[in-house]
Amino acid sequence: MRLQNIRSKWAPATILFLLVLLTGCLTQPESVEVAPLPTLAVAAKLVPETPTPTPENFLLPTFTPIAQQLVVPTEVGQFVYTPIPTNTPFPTLIPTATRTPFPTSTTPPTRTPIPTNTPLPASTSVAATLTPVFLETVVPRPVGTNILFNPSFEDGHYNQNGVPELQLPNNWGFEWDTGRTGFGDEVWDEWVRPEVRVLPKSNVPSSEHNDFFVDGDHAVKIFKGSGAISFRFSQAHQLEAGKYQFTVNVYPDVIKGYGSNGEKIFADDPLAAELSFLLNGSQTAWRVVEIGERNRYAFVFEISEPKTVQVALVARGRFAVENNGWFMDSFSLVKID
């Protein structure tokens, strides 16, 4: 009884649900276009055609390696390279000394003037009683007051006429010859302007200090490479009447070449280094000096009245050797009577 009541109660609802469900299933879905499957013939064309194997196709390919350059690394710091080529200098001509006199018609050498900052004597006349005497190599240093200014070249220097190659010690003047030497007719038989330096010991090897330096830390070097030179190194003073001695220390560093170990080969011609003195235009005879040795020379003169006197060391190297050099130090001018 009770079950029947339930069935009768829910029967309409159940029937309604079933009707709705049935209606949904009978509804047609939206149409979807589907591409037709390819036929067997079309599908066969989609597969790439594989050629029928032939005997040639069964040959295995051979391996041909790509050519490579074998690179062997070097150790650090051991790289090998080809240096950039350098210019090969033209060999320096070291002329042989000639003694053939040059024709007398040749213009005589000209002399450069003494710089204006070096006082010139008021008169270049020499007293009749002047008797210059050229002393021997070894002479004593006279006792007395040294009249010269800056005698050992320790009191500074200047560039004569503003030329850097003419570095003169203060209070000293310098002249040089130019033109044909008169000792030969070769192209190198011509005077050229020397160079002058005031050298400190620090710029010279210690092995040569005893050769070039006599007093103090500076010496004067007058030189020229591959050129003949003739020069005058002077100073002027107002002197009273009396006898005087002018003393110089020189080292002719006249080199004609160098050995395999760099050692100097000194010129062996005695005329490669000559020296004389000049007093107010009056010059003593030329004298050969020892090359590669330190020499002390003195010049004694006498004046009968007070006058301005210009005294000079005169030197020359007549041959255009590899290095025409003169080192000088510790000069003095002393009244001896």
Protein backbone atom coordinates (compact mmCIF):
# COMPACT_ATOMS: atom_id res chain seq x y z
CA MET A 1 0.00 0.00 0.00
CA ARG A 2 2.71 2.31 0.88
CA LEU A 3 4.77 1.37 -2.21
CA GLN A 4 1.91 2.07 -4.49
CA ASN A 5 1.49 5.46 -3.00
CA ILE A 6 5.13 6.28 -3.73
CA ARG A 7 4.89 5.11 -7.35
CA SER A 8 1.71 7.06 -7.88
CA LYS A 9 3.36 10.12 -6.37
CA TRP A 10 6.59 10.10 -8.43
CA ALA A 11 5.25 8.62 -11.65
CA PRO A 12 4.49 11.94 -13.41
CA ALA A 13 7.93 13.35 -12.58
CA THR A 14 9.73 10.30 -13.80
CA ILE A 15 7.88 10.30 -17.03
CA LEU A 16 8.70 14.00 -17.56
CA PHE A 17 12.45 13.41 -16.97
CA LEU A 18 12.55 10.58 -19.42
CA LEU A 19 10.84 12.69 -22.06
CA VAL A 20 13.41 15.50 -21.67
CA LEU A 21 16.31 13.06 -21.87
CA LEU A 22 14.88 11.46 -24.94
CA THR A 23 14.45 14.86 -26.60
CA GLY A 24 18.12 15.76 -25.99
CA CYS A 25 19.35 12.57 -27.55
CA LEU A 26 17.26 13.04 -30.65
CA THR A 27 18.67 16.59 -31.28
CA GLN A 28 21.00 16.61 -34.38
CA PRO A 29 24.57 18.03 -33.79
CA GLU A 30 26.09 20.74 -36.01
CA SER A 31 27.51 19.38 -39.24
CA VAL A 32 31.31 18.92 -39.37
CA GLU A 33 33.08 18.61 -42.64
CA VAL A 34 35.53 15.72 -42.60
CA ALA A 35 38.11 15.37 -45.36
CA PRO A 36 37.67 12.16 -47.20
CA LEU A 37 40.37 9.57 -46.65
CA PRO A 38 42.72 9.19 -49.57
CA THR A 39 42.30 6.33 -51.78
CA LEU A 40 44.96 3.69 -51.97
CA ALA A 41 46.38 5.14 -55.18
CA VAL A 42 46.75 8.62 -53.69
CA ALA A 43 48.38 7.29 -50.52
CA ALA A 44 50.95 5.48 -52.57
CA LYS A 45 52.04 8.72 -54.22
CA LEU A 46 52.61 10.38 -50.86
CA VAL A 47 55.48 8.00 -50.06
CA PRO A 48 58.83 8.99 -51.73
CA GLU A 49 59.85 6.71 -54.45
CA THR A 50 62.84 4.56 -53.47
CA PRO A 51 65.05 3.53 -56.37
CA THR A 52 65.57 -0.09 -56.84
CA PRO A 53 68.98 -1.00 -55.43
CA THR A 54 71.59 -1.73 -58.05
CA PRO A 55 75.10 -3.22 -57.59
CA GLU A 56 76.70 0.23 -57.94
CA ASN A 57 74.68 1.55 -55.04
CA PHE A 58 76.10 -1.05 -52.72
CA LEU A 59 79.70 0.42 -52.94
CA LEU A 60 80.68 1.95 -49.63
CA PRO A 61 81.99 5.56 -49.91
CA THR A 62 85.68 6.12 -49.07
CA PHE A 63 86.69 8.77 -46.49
CA THR A 64 88.79 11.64 -47.85
CA PRO A 65 90.08 13.77 -44.96
CA ILE A 66 90.31 17.55 -45.40
CA ALA A 67 93.93 18.70 -45.69
CA GLN A 68 95.04 20.41 -42.48
CA GLN A 69 98.23 22.19 -41.45
CA LEU A 70 99.77 20.66 -38.40
CA VAL A 71 100.31 23.40 -35.81
CA VAL A 72 102.80 22.64 -33.07
CA PRO A 73 102.49 25.11 -30.20
CA THR A 74 105.72 26.66 -28.92
CA GLU A 75 106.55 27.35 -25.33
CA VAL A 76 105.71 30.73 -23.90
CA GLY A 77 108.40 33.22 -24.76
CA GLN A 78 109.83 31.03 -27.52
CA PHE A 79 107.92 32.44 -30.47
CA VAL A 80 109.85 32.49 -33.70
CA TYR A 81 109.30 35.50 -35.93
CA THR A 82 110.89 37.16 -38.88
CA PRO A 83 112.31 40.52 -37.81
CA ILE A 84 111.58 43.66 -39.78
CA PRO A 85 114.58 44.34 -42.02
CA THR A 86 116.73 47.29 -41.00
CA ASN A 87 118.57 49.66 -43.24
CA THR A 88 122.15 48.63 -43.80
CA PRO A 89 124.27 51.78 -43.40
CA PHE A 90 126.79 52.59 -46.05
CA PRO A 91 130.24 51.74 -44.72
CA THR A 92 132.08 54.70 -43.29
CA LEU A 93 135.11 55.64 -45.32
CA ILE A 94 138.24 55.82 -43.20
CA PRO A 95 140.62 57.73 -45.42
CA THR A 96 144.30 57.02 -45.59
CA ALA A 97 146.52 59.91 -44.63
CA THR A 98 147.90 61.74 -47.60
CA ARG A 99 150.82 64.12 -47.72
CA THR A 100 150.32 65.59 -51.21
CA PRO A 101 150.24 69.40 -50.86
CA PHE A 102 147.13 71.08 -52.12
CA PRO A 103 147.67 73.63 -54.95
CA THR A 104 148.70 77.03 -53.67
CA SER A 105 145.77 78.66 -55.50
CA THR A 106 143.31 77.11 -53.07
CA THR A 107 141.47 79.61 -50.89
CA PRO A 108 143.09 79.57 -47.43
CA PRO A 109 141.05 78.41 -44.45
CA THR A 110 138.68 80.93 -42.92
CA ARG A 111 138.46 81.56 -39.21
CA THR A 112 135.26 82.01 -37.28
CA PRO A 113 135.19 85.05 -35.01
CA ILE A 114 135.46 84.74 -31.26
CA PRO A 115 131.97 85.09 -29.71
CA THR A 116 131.02 88.56 -28.49
CA ASN A 117 130.70 87.40 -24.88
CA THR A 118 134.44 86.66 -24.84
CA PRO A 119 136.42 89.90 -24.27
CA LEU A 120 138.80 90.78 -27.08
CA PRO A 121 142.08 92.54 -26.50
CA ALA A 122 142.13 96.26 -27.23
CA SER A 123 145.22 95.79 -29.37
CA THR A 124 146.63 92.67 -30.99
CA SER A 125 150.14 94.11 -31.35
CA VAL A 126 152.87 92.15 -29.62
CA ALA A 127 155.67 93.90 -27.76
CA ALA A 128 159.08 93.68 -29.38
CA THR A 129 160.48 92.04 -26.26
CA LEU A 130 157.97 89.17 -26.41
CA THR A 131 159.90 85.89 -26.56
CA PRO A 132 157.56 82.90 -26.62
CA VAL A 133 159.14 79.65 -25.47
CA PHE A 134 157.63 76.22 -26.08
CA LEU A 135 158.50 73.99 -23.13
CA GLU A 136 158.85 70.21 -23.16
CA THR A 137 156.06 67.75 -22.37
CA VAL A 138 156.90 67.32 -18.70
CA VAL A 139 156.83 70.67 -16.94
CA PRO A 140 156.27 71.53 -13.30
CA ARG A 141 153.14 73.39 -12.33
CA PRO A 142 154.38 76.84 -11.30
CA VAL A 143 153.66 78.09 -7.82
CA GLY A 144 151.51 81.20 -7.71
CA THR A 145 148.02 82.54 -8.30
CA ASN A 146 146.19 81.09 -11.27
CA ILE A 147 144.98 84.07 -13.27
CA LEU A 148 142.60 82.12 -15.50
CA PHE A 149 138.84 82.13 -14.97
CA ASN A 150 137.22 78.68 -14.66
CA PRO A 151 140.58 76.92 -15.19
CA SER A 152 139.31 73.39 -14.53
CA PHE A 153 135.91 73.91 -16.18
CA GLU A 154 133.92 73.36 -12.99
CA ASP A 155 132.09 76.72 -13.11
CA GLY A 156 129.38 76.04 -15.67
CA HIS A 157 129.13 76.26 -19.43
CA TYR A 158 127.20 77.95 -22.27
CA ASN A 159 126.30 77.24 -25.89
CA GLN A 160 128.44 79.48 -28.09
CA ASN A 161 126.20 81.47 -30.46
CA GLY A 162 123.30 79.31 -29.24
CA VAL A 163 124.64 76.21 -31.02
CA PRO A 164 124.03 73.05 -28.90
CA GLU A 165 127.09 71.32 -30.40
CA LEU A 166 129.34 74.11 -29.12
CA GLN A 167 129.08 73.66 -25.35
CA LEU A 168 131.89 75.86 -24.01
CA PRO A 169 132.99 76.30 -20.38
CA ASN A 170 132.15 79.74 -19.06
CA ASN A 171 134.78 82.45 -19.68
CA TRP A 172 136.40 80.56 -22.58
CA GLY A 173 136.30 81.34 -26.31
CA PHE A 174 136.53 79.01 -29.27
CA GLU A 175 137.55 79.38 -32.93
CA TRP A 176 137.94 76.82 -35.71
CA ASP A 177 139.14 76.61 -39.31
CA THR A 178 137.10 75.70 -42.38
CA GLY A 179 138.15 75.10 -45.98
CA ARG A 180 140.89 72.97 -47.52
CA THR A 181 143.57 71.69 -45.15
CA GLY A 182 146.44 72.16 -47.61
CA PHE A 183 147.75 68.66 -46.78
CA GLY A 184 146.16 66.72 -49.64
CA ASP A 185 143.73 66.86 -52.53
CA GLU A 186 141.33 64.14 -51.39
CA VAL A 187 137.71 64.92 -50.62
CA TRP A 188 138.33 64.54 -46.88
CA ASP A 189 141.26 66.98 -46.86
CA GLU A 190 139.04 69.76 -45.58
CA TRP A 191 138.66 71.34 -42.15
CA VAL A 192 135.23 70.89 -40.56
CA ARG A 193 133.70 72.45 -37.48
CA PRO A 194 134.38 70.40 -34.33
CA GLU A 195 131.94 69.71 -31.53
CA VAL A 196 132.61 70.76 -27.94
CA ARG A 197 131.31 69.22 -24.70
CA VAL A 198 131.91 69.90 -21.02
CA LEU A 199 131.78 66.32 -19.74
CA PRO A 200 131.23 65.23 -16.13
CA LYS A 201 132.94 62.10 -14.85
CA SER A 202 129.57 60.38 -14.64
CA ASN A 203 129.40 60.40 -18.47
CA VAL A 204 132.80 58.76 -18.90
CA PRO A 205 133.79 55.15 -18.06
CA SER A 206 135.71 54.96 -14.79
CA SER A 207 138.57 53.21 -16.60
CA GLU A 208 139.27 56.49 -18.46
CA HIS A 209 139.01 58.92 -15.54
CA ASN A 210 142.77 59.04 -14.97
CA ASP A 211 143.33 59.77 -18.67
CA PHE A 212 140.88 62.62 -19.12
CA PHE A 213 140.40 64.27 -15.69
CA VAL A 214 143.14 66.08 -13.79
CA ASP A 215 141.31 68.34 -11.36
CA GLY A 216 137.62 68.22 -10.37
CA ASP A 217 134.72 66.41 -11.99
CA HIS A 218 134.67 67.98 -15.47
CA ALA A 219 136.80 67.98 -18.59
CA VAL A 220 136.40 69.56 -22.03
CA LYS A 221 136.20 67.34 -25.10
CA ILE A 222 136.70 68.83 -28.57
CA PHE A 223 136.14 66.26 -31.31
CA LYS A 224 134.76 65.29 -34.71
CA GLY A 225 134.08 61.94 -36.31
CA SER A 226 135.59 61.34 -39.77
CA GLY A 227 136.68 64.94 -40.19
CA ALA A 228 139.88 66.98 -40.02
CA ILE A 229 139.81 69.70 -37.34
CA SER A 230 141.87 72.77 -36.42
CA PHE A 231 140.83 74.96 -33.48
CA ARG A 232 141.84 77.58 -30.90
CA PHE A 233 140.71 77.53 -27.24
CA SER A 234 141.37 80.89 -25.62
CA GLN A 235 140.91 83.39 -22.81
CA ALA A 236 141.87 87.09 -22.57
CA HIS A 237 143.27 88.95 -19.57
CA GLN A 238 144.71 92.34 -18.65
CA LEU A 239 148.26 91.58 -17.50
CA GLU A 240 150.99 93.69 -15.99
CA ALA A 241 154.56 93.60 -17.24
CA GLY A 242 156.43 90.40 -16.44
CA LYS A 243 157.01 86.76 -17.40
CA TYR A 244 154.16 84.26 -17.45
CA GLN A 245 153.68 80.54 -17.94
CA PHE A 246 150.55 79.14 -19.60
CA THR A 247 150.20 75.39 -18.78
CA VAL A 248 147.73 72.90 -20.26
CA ASN A 249 146.87 69.21 -19.82
CA VAL A 250 145.69 67.47 -22.99
CA TYR A 251 144.89 63.91 -24.03
CA PRO A 252 144.78 63.40 -27.83
CA ASP A 253 142.06 60.74 -28.27
CA VAL A 254 142.72 60.33 -31.99
CA ILE A 255 141.29 56.98 -33.09
CA LYS A 256 141.54 55.42 -36.53
CA GLY A 257 139.37 52.40 -35.70
CA TYR A 258 138.21 49.88 -33.12
CA GLY A 259 139.20 46.27 -32.52
CA SER A 260 136.91 43.23 -32.40
CA ASN A 261 136.35 43.77 -28.67
CA GLY A 262 135.72 47.50 -29.02
CA GLU A 263 139.24 48.53 -28.00
CA LYS A 264 140.61 51.75 -29.42
CA ILE A 265 143.13 51.65 -32.24
CA PHE A 266 144.97 54.97 -32.05
CA ALA A 267 146.25 56.78 -35.13
CA ASP A 268 149.85 55.77 -35.78
CA ASP A 269 150.87 58.74 -37.94
CA PRO A 270 152.73 61.24 -35.70
CA LEU A 271 151.18 64.14 -37.61
CA ALA A 272 147.66 63.04 -36.64
CA ALA A 273 147.86 65.26 -33.50
CA GLU A 274 149.74 68.57 -33.33
CA LEU A 275 149.72 71.42 -30.84
CA SER A 276 150.96 75.00 -30.56
CA PHE A 277 150.20 78.21 -28.63
CA LEU A 278 148.89 81.57 -29.69
CA LEU A 279 149.48 84.94 -28.03
CA ASN A 280 147.78 87.99 -29.53
CA GLY A 281 148.13 86.59 -33.04
CA SER A 282 151.70 85.38 -32.63
CA GLN A 283 151.85 81.58 -32.88
CA THR A 284 154.56 79.15 -31.85
CA ALA A 285 155.73 76.35 -34.14
CA TRP A 286 153.65 73.21 -34.39
CA ARG A 287 154.72 70.30 -32.23
CA VAL A 288 153.76 66.63 -32.45
CA VAL A 289 152.10 65.31 -29.28
CA GLU A 290 151.72 61.79 -27.88
CA ILE A 291 148.42 60.19 -28.97
CA GLY A 292 146.60 58.10 -26.39
CA GLU A 293 148.60 59.64 -23.52
CA ARG A 294 147.99 62.52 -21.14
CA ASN A 295 150.44 65.32 -21.91
CA ARG A 296 151.33 68.50 -20.05
CA TYR A 297 152.67 71.37 -22.09
CA ALA A 298 153.61 74.90 -21.14
CA PHE A 299 154.15 78.18 -22.96
CA VAL A 300 156.33 80.90 -21.41
CA PHE A 301 156.12 84.50 -22.59
CA GLU A 302 157.16 87.93 -21.36
CA ILE A 303 155.62 91.37 -21.84
CA SER A 304 157.44 94.64 -21.16
CA GLU A 305 154.38 96.76 -20.29
CA PRO A 306 150.83 96.20 -19.04
CA LYS A 307 148.50 95.05 -21.82
CA THR A 308 145.50 92.95 -22.66
CA VAL A 309 146.69 89.52 -23.70
CA GLN A 310 144.75 86.74 -25.33
CA VAL A 311 146.40 83.37 -24.80
CA ALA A 312 145.18 80.26 -26.61
CA LEU A 313 145.86 76.57 -26.99
CA VAL A 314 145.93 75.68 -30.71
CA ALA A 315 145.48 72.08 -31.84
CA ARG A 316 144.77 70.21 -35.06
CA GLY A 317 144.16 66.73 -36.40
CA ARG A 318 144.91 66.92 -40.10
CA PHE A 319 143.48 63.49 -41.02
CA ALA A 320 139.80 62.56 -41.20
CA VAL A 321 140.11 59.49 -38.96
CA GLU A 322 137.18 57.80 -37.29
CA ASN A 323 137.38 60.02 -34.21
CA ASN A 324 139.45 63.20 -33.97
CA GLY A 325 139.21 63.85 -30.22
CA TRP A 326 141.00 66.07 -27.69
CA PHE A 327 140.34 65.96 -23.93
CA MET A 328 141.54 68.93 -21.86
CA ASP A 329 141.54 69.78 -18.17
CA SER A 330 143.24 71.91 -15.51
CA PHE A 331 144.79 74.92 -17.31
CA SER A 332 146.77 77.63 -15.56
CA LEU A 333 148.28 81.05 -16.24
CA VAL A 334 150.75 82.09 -13.55
CA LYS A 335 153.16 85.03 -13.28
CA ILE A 336 156.58 83.48 -12.69
CA ASP A 337 158.78 86.62 -12.66
